[in-house]
Amino acid sequence: MPPSTDPAPQVRVLSPTGMLGAGFAPETIEYGLTLNPDVIAVDGGSTDSGPYYLGAGVAKTTAAAVRRDLDILLRAAAGAGIPCWSAPAAPAAPTPVSTGSPGSPRA
């Protein structure tokens, strides 16, 4: 069978920061939404912050910072009608933090 000449399907992902709670300028989300992403995705935490955080059992980011980031991201995702996904540091699978179907096309 010859190779397909159909273009490969694309998924546009808006990832505003490397770690939830690390912060970002809200304007970057506004700009990112103009690029019509299919999903907003963010890493829920990090395990590579060095031995202190791992040994002390404390989070690198504050609960208030995580809440701020999530508030901005969830409102943006809801307004755009797209899902928002967060991948926690421990589990292997991403966790949906808002409703939406990552495979559904947008008009």
N, C-alpha and C. Protein backbone atom coordinates (compact mmCIF):
# COMPACT_ATOMS: atom_id res chain seq x y z
N MET A 1 0.85 -1.17 0.00
CA MET A 1 0.00 0.00 0.00
C MET A 1 0.90 1.24 0.00
N PRO A 2 0.68 2.17 -0.91
CA PRO A 2 1.50 3.39 -0.97
C PRO A 2 1.19 4.29 0.24
N PRO A 3 2.15 5.11 0.62
CA PRO A 3 1.91 6.03 1.75
C PRO A 3 0.77 6.99 1.43
N SER A 4 0.08 7.37 2.47
CA SER A 4 -1.05 8.29 2.32
C SER A 4 -0.53 9.70 2.02
N THR A 5 -1.26 10.40 1.19
CA THR A 5 -0.93 11.80 0.90
C THR A 5 -1.80 12.75 1.72
N ASP A 6 -2.69 12.16 2.53
CA ASP A 6 -3.53 12.98 3.41
C ASP A 6 -2.66 13.62 4.49
N PRO A 7 -2.95 14.87 4.83
CA PRO A 7 -2.18 15.49 5.90
C PRO A 7 -2.44 14.78 7.23
N ALA A 8 -1.42 14.69 8.04
CA ALA A 8 -1.55 14.07 9.36
C ALA A 8 -2.44 14.93 10.24
N PRO A 9 -3.27 14.29 11.07
CA PRO A 9 -4.10 15.09 11.98
C PRO A 9 -3.21 15.84 12.97
N GLN A 10 -3.67 17.00 13.37
CA GLN A 10 -2.91 17.83 14.29
C GLN A 10 -3.71 18.07 15.57
N VAL A 11 -3.01 18.19 16.66
CA VAL A 11 -3.60 18.59 17.94
C VAL A 11 -2.78 19.77 18.44
N ARG A 12 -3.46 20.87 18.68
CA ARG A 12 -2.78 22.07 19.16
C ARG A 12 -2.91 22.14 20.69
N VAL A 13 -1.76 22.18 21.36
CA VAL A 13 -1.73 22.16 22.82
C VAL A 13 -1.18 23.49 23.33
N LEU A 14 -1.89 24.11 24.25
CA LEU A 14 -1.42 25.31 24.91
C LEU A 14 -0.89 24.89 26.28
N SER A 15 0.40 25.05 26.47
CA SER A 15 1.04 24.70 27.74
C SER A 15 1.73 25.96 28.28
N PRO A 16 1.08 26.64 29.21
CA PRO A 16 1.54 27.96 29.61
C PRO A 16 2.74 27.99 30.55
N THR A 17 3.04 26.87 31.20
CA THR A 17 4.12 26.85 32.17
C THR A 17 4.63 25.42 32.32
N GLY A 18 5.84 25.29 32.81
CA GLY A 18 6.42 23.97 32.99
C GLY A 18 5.92 23.25 34.22
N MET A 19 5.30 23.98 35.16
CA MET A 19 4.82 23.35 36.39
C MET A 19 3.68 24.18 36.97
N LEU A 20 2.60 23.53 37.28
CA LEU A 20 1.46 24.20 37.90
C LEU A 20 1.91 24.86 39.21
N GLY A 21 1.61 26.13 39.36
CA GLY A 21 2.01 26.87 40.54
C GLY A 21 3.25 27.71 40.33
N ALA A 22 3.93 27.51 39.19
CA ALA A 22 5.13 28.29 38.90
C ALA A 22 4.77 29.69 38.42
N GLY A 23 3.53 29.86 37.97
CA GLY A 23 3.05 31.16 37.54
C GLY A 23 3.31 31.45 36.08
N PHE A 24 2.55 32.39 35.56
CA PHE A 24 2.65 32.86 34.18
C PHE A 24 1.82 34.12 34.08
N ALA A 25 2.11 34.93 33.10
CA ALA A 25 1.32 36.15 32.88
C ALA A 25 -0.01 35.77 32.24
N PRO A 26 -1.14 36.20 32.81
CA PRO A 26 -2.44 35.88 32.22
C PRO A 26 -2.55 36.26 30.75
N GLU A 27 -1.81 37.29 30.33
CA GLU A 27 -1.87 37.72 28.93
C GLU A 27 -1.36 36.62 27.99
N THR A 28 -0.48 35.75 28.49
CA THR A 28 0.02 34.67 27.63
C THR A 28 -1.09 33.68 27.30
N ILE A 29 -2.02 33.50 28.21
CA ILE A 29 -3.15 32.60 27.97
C ILE A 29 -4.08 33.24 26.94
N GLU A 30 -4.34 34.52 27.11
CA GLU A 30 -5.18 35.22 26.15
C GLU A 30 -4.60 35.11 24.75
N TYR A 31 -3.29 35.33 24.62
CA TYR A 31 -2.65 35.21 23.31
C TYR A 31 -2.71 33.77 22.82
N GLY A 32 -2.40 32.83 23.68
CA GLY A 32 -2.42 31.42 23.29
C GLY A 32 -3.78 30.97 22.78
N LEU A 33 -4.85 31.49 23.35
CA LEU A 33 -6.19 31.13 22.90
C LEU A 33 -6.48 31.64 21.49
N THR A 34 -5.81 32.71 21.07
CA THR A 34 -6.01 33.21 19.71
C THR A 34 -5.43 32.24 18.68
N LEU A 35 -4.59 31.30 19.12
CA LEU A 35 -4.00 30.31 18.21
C LEU A 35 -4.86 29.05 18.10
N ASN A 36 -6.06 29.09 18.68
CA ASN A 36 -7.05 28.01 18.61
C ASN A 36 -6.52 26.65 19.09
N PRO A 37 -6.08 26.57 20.35
CA PRO A 37 -5.61 25.27 20.85
C PRO A 37 -6.79 24.30 21.02
N ASP A 38 -6.48 23.02 20.98
CA ASP A 38 -7.48 21.98 21.20
C ASP A 38 -7.58 21.61 22.67
N VAL A 39 -6.53 21.90 23.42
CA VAL A 39 -6.48 21.55 24.84
C VAL A 39 -5.47 22.47 25.54
N ILE A 40 -5.71 22.74 26.82
CA ILE A 40 -4.72 23.39 27.67
C ILE A 40 -4.14 22.28 28.54
N ALA A 41 -2.82 22.16 28.59
CA ALA A 41 -2.18 21.10 29.37
C ALA A 41 -1.04 21.68 30.19
N VAL A 42 -0.92 21.18 31.41
CA VAL A 42 0.13 21.68 32.31
C VAL A 42 0.58 20.53 33.21
N ASP A 43 1.87 20.51 33.50
CA ASP A 43 2.42 19.53 34.43
C ASP A 43 1.96 19.90 35.84
N GLY A 44 1.44 18.92 36.55
CA GLY A 44 0.90 19.17 37.89
C GLY A 44 1.94 19.31 38.98
N GLY A 45 3.18 19.04 38.68
CA GLY A 45 4.22 19.14 39.70
C GLY A 45 5.53 18.65 39.13
N SER A 46 6.55 18.69 39.94
CA SER A 46 7.85 18.28 39.47
C SER A 46 8.51 17.40 40.52
N THR A 47 9.26 16.41 40.06
CA THR A 47 10.02 15.56 40.98
C THR A 47 11.51 15.77 40.80
N ASP A 48 11.88 16.77 40.01
CA ASP A 48 13.31 16.99 39.76
C ASP A 48 13.82 18.28 40.42
N SER A 49 13.24 18.65 41.53
CA SER A 49 13.62 19.89 42.19
C SER A 49 14.74 19.70 43.20
N GLY A 50 15.29 18.54 43.24
CA GLY A 50 16.41 18.28 44.15
C GLY A 50 15.99 17.50 45.38
N PRO A 51 16.95 17.05 46.13
CA PRO A 51 16.67 16.15 47.26
C PRO A 51 15.92 16.81 48.41
N TYR A 52 16.05 18.12 48.60
CA TYR A 52 15.38 18.75 49.74
C TYR A 52 13.87 18.54 49.67
N TYR A 53 13.25 18.90 48.54
CA TYR A 53 11.79 18.80 48.43
C TYR A 53 11.33 17.35 48.53
N LEU A 54 12.07 16.44 47.91
CA LEU A 54 11.69 15.03 47.98
C LEU A 54 11.82 14.50 49.41
N GLY A 55 12.92 14.83 50.08
CA GLY A 55 13.14 14.34 51.44
C GLY A 55 12.26 14.99 52.49
N ALA A 56 11.96 16.27 52.30
CA ALA A 56 11.16 17.00 53.28
C ALA A 56 9.67 16.75 53.13
N GLY A 57 9.27 16.23 51.97
CA GLY A 57 7.86 15.98 51.73
C GLY A 57 7.03 17.24 51.63
N VAL A 58 7.64 18.31 51.14
CA VAL A 58 6.91 19.56 50.97
C VAL A 58 6.85 19.91 49.49
N ALA A 59 5.82 20.63 49.13
CA ALA A 59 5.66 21.05 47.75
C ALA A 59 6.60 22.20 47.44
N LYS A 60 7.05 22.26 46.22
CA LYS A 60 7.92 23.37 45.79
C LYS A 60 7.11 24.65 45.59
N THR A 61 5.86 24.51 45.19
CA THR A 61 5.00 25.67 44.98
C THR A 61 3.95 25.72 46.08
N THR A 62 3.42 26.89 46.35
CA THR A 62 2.42 27.03 47.40
C THR A 62 1.03 26.65 46.87
N ALA A 63 0.16 26.30 47.80
CA ALA A 63 -1.22 25.99 47.43
C ALA A 63 -1.89 27.21 46.79
N ALA A 64 -1.56 28.39 47.28
CA ALA A 64 -2.15 29.62 46.70
C ALA A 64 -1.71 29.82 45.26
N ALA A 65 -0.44 29.52 44.96
CA ALA A 65 0.05 29.67 43.59
C ALA A 65 -0.61 28.65 42.66
N VAL A 66 -0.78 27.43 43.12
CA VAL A 66 -1.45 26.40 42.32
C VAL A 66 -2.89 26.81 42.07
N ARG A 67 -3.57 27.29 43.10
CA ARG A 67 -4.96 27.74 42.97
C ARG A 67 -5.07 28.88 41.97
N ARG A 68 -4.14 29.84 42.01
CA ARG A 68 -4.15 30.97 41.08
C ARG A 68 -4.03 30.47 39.65
N ASP A 69 -3.03 29.61 39.40
CA ASP A 69 -2.83 29.08 38.05
C ASP A 69 -4.06 28.32 37.58
N LEU A 70 -4.59 27.44 38.43
CA LEU A 70 -5.77 26.65 38.04
C LEU A 70 -6.96 27.54 37.76
N ASP A 71 -7.16 28.57 38.55
CA ASP A 71 -8.29 29.47 38.33
C ASP A 71 -8.22 30.09 36.94
N ILE A 72 -7.04 30.59 36.59
CA ILE A 72 -6.86 31.20 35.27
C ILE A 72 -7.06 30.17 34.16
N LEU A 73 -6.45 29.00 34.30
CA LEU A 73 -6.52 27.98 33.26
C LEU A 73 -7.92 27.41 33.09
N LEU A 74 -8.61 27.13 34.19
CA LEU A 74 -9.95 26.56 34.09
C LEU A 74 -10.94 27.55 33.50
N ARG A 75 -10.82 28.81 33.88
CA ARG A 75 -11.70 29.82 33.29
C ARG A 75 -11.43 29.98 31.79
N ALA A 76 -10.16 29.95 31.42
CA ALA A 76 -9.81 30.08 30.00
C ALA A 76 -10.32 28.88 29.21
N ALA A 77 -10.14 27.69 29.74
CA ALA A 77 -10.60 26.48 29.05
C ALA A 77 -12.11 26.48 28.91
N ALA A 78 -12.81 26.83 29.98
CA ALA A 78 -14.28 26.87 29.92
C ALA A 78 -14.75 27.90 28.90
N GLY A 79 -14.13 29.05 28.89
CA GLY A 79 -14.51 30.10 27.94
C GLY A 79 -14.26 29.71 26.50
N ALA A 80 -13.21 28.91 26.28
CA ALA A 80 -12.87 28.49 24.92
C ALA A 80 -13.57 27.18 24.53
N GLY A 81 -14.20 26.53 25.50
CA GLY A 81 -14.88 25.27 25.21
C GLY A 81 -13.92 24.12 24.93
N ILE A 82 -12.77 24.13 25.59
CA ILE A 82 -11.77 23.08 25.39
C ILE A 82 -11.42 22.47 26.75
N PRO A 83 -10.89 21.26 26.76
CA PRO A 83 -10.50 20.66 28.04
C PRO A 83 -9.20 21.25 28.58
N CYS A 84 -9.04 21.11 29.88
CA CYS A 84 -7.81 21.49 30.55
C CYS A 84 -7.30 20.24 31.26
N TRP A 85 -6.07 19.85 30.96
CA TRP A 85 -5.49 18.63 31.53
C TRP A 85 -4.30 18.98 32.38
N SER A 86 -4.18 18.25 33.49
CA SER A 86 -3.02 18.39 34.36
C SER A 86 -2.46 16.99 34.60
N ALA A 87 -1.15 16.85 34.43
CA ALA A 87 -0.50 15.57 34.68
C ALA A 87 0.20 15.66 36.02
N PRO A 88 -0.33 14.99 37.04
CA PRO A 88 0.32 15.01 38.36
C PRO A 88 1.71 14.40 38.30
N ALA A 89 2.54 14.76 39.26
CA ALA A 89 3.92 14.27 39.28
C ALA A 89 3.97 12.76 39.52
N ALA A 90 3.07 12.20 40.30
CA ALA A 90 3.16 10.78 40.64
C ALA A 90 2.46 9.85 39.65
N PRO A 91 1.15 10.03 39.37
CA PRO A 91 0.50 9.08 38.46
C PRO A 91 1.03 9.18 37.04
N ALA A 92 0.87 8.11 36.30
CA ALA A 92 1.40 8.07 34.94
C ALA A 92 0.44 8.67 33.92
N ALA A 93 -0.84 8.74 34.24
CA ALA A 93 -1.83 9.22 33.26
C ALA A 93 -2.26 10.64 33.59
N PRO A 94 -2.53 11.46 32.56
CA PRO A 94 -3.02 12.82 32.82
C PRO A 94 -4.40 12.78 33.45
N THR A 95 -4.70 13.78 34.23
CA THR A 95 -5.97 13.88 34.93
C THR A 95 -6.76 15.04 34.36
N PRO A 96 -7.98 14.78 33.85
CA PRO A 96 -8.76 15.92 33.35
C PRO A 96 -9.22 16.77 34.51
N VAL A 97 -9.03 18.07 34.41
CA VAL A 97 -9.48 18.98 35.45
C VAL A 97 -10.66 19.81 34.99
N SER A 98 -11.10 19.59 33.76
CA SER A 98 -12.35 20.18 33.30
C SER A 98 -12.94 19.25 32.27
N THR A 99 -14.20 19.44 31.99
CA THR A 99 -14.85 18.55 31.04
C THR A 99 -14.47 18.94 29.62
N GLY A 100 -14.57 17.99 28.76
CA GLY A 100 -14.27 18.21 27.35
C GLY A 100 -13.73 16.95 26.76
N SER A 101 -13.78 16.84 25.49
CA SER A 101 -13.30 15.66 24.82
C SER A 101 -12.07 16.03 23.99
N PRO A 102 -10.87 15.51 24.38
CA PRO A 102 -9.68 15.91 23.65
C PRO A 102 -9.69 15.52 22.18
N GLY A 103 -10.52 14.56 21.80
CA GLY A 103 -10.54 14.14 20.41
C GLY A 103 -11.59 14.84 19.57
N SER A 104 -12.42 15.65 20.17
CA SER A 104 -13.48 16.26 19.39
C SER A 104 -12.99 17.50 18.66
N PRO A 105 -13.27 17.59 17.36
CA PRO A 105 -12.82 18.76 16.59
C PRO A 105 -13.62 19.99 16.99
N ARG A 106 -13.00 21.13 16.80
CA ARG A 106 -13.67 22.39 17.06
C ARG A 106 -14.03 23.05 15.75
N ALA A 107 -15.10 23.79 15.77
CA ALA A 107 -15.54 24.49 14.55
C ALA A 107 -14.72 25.73 14.33
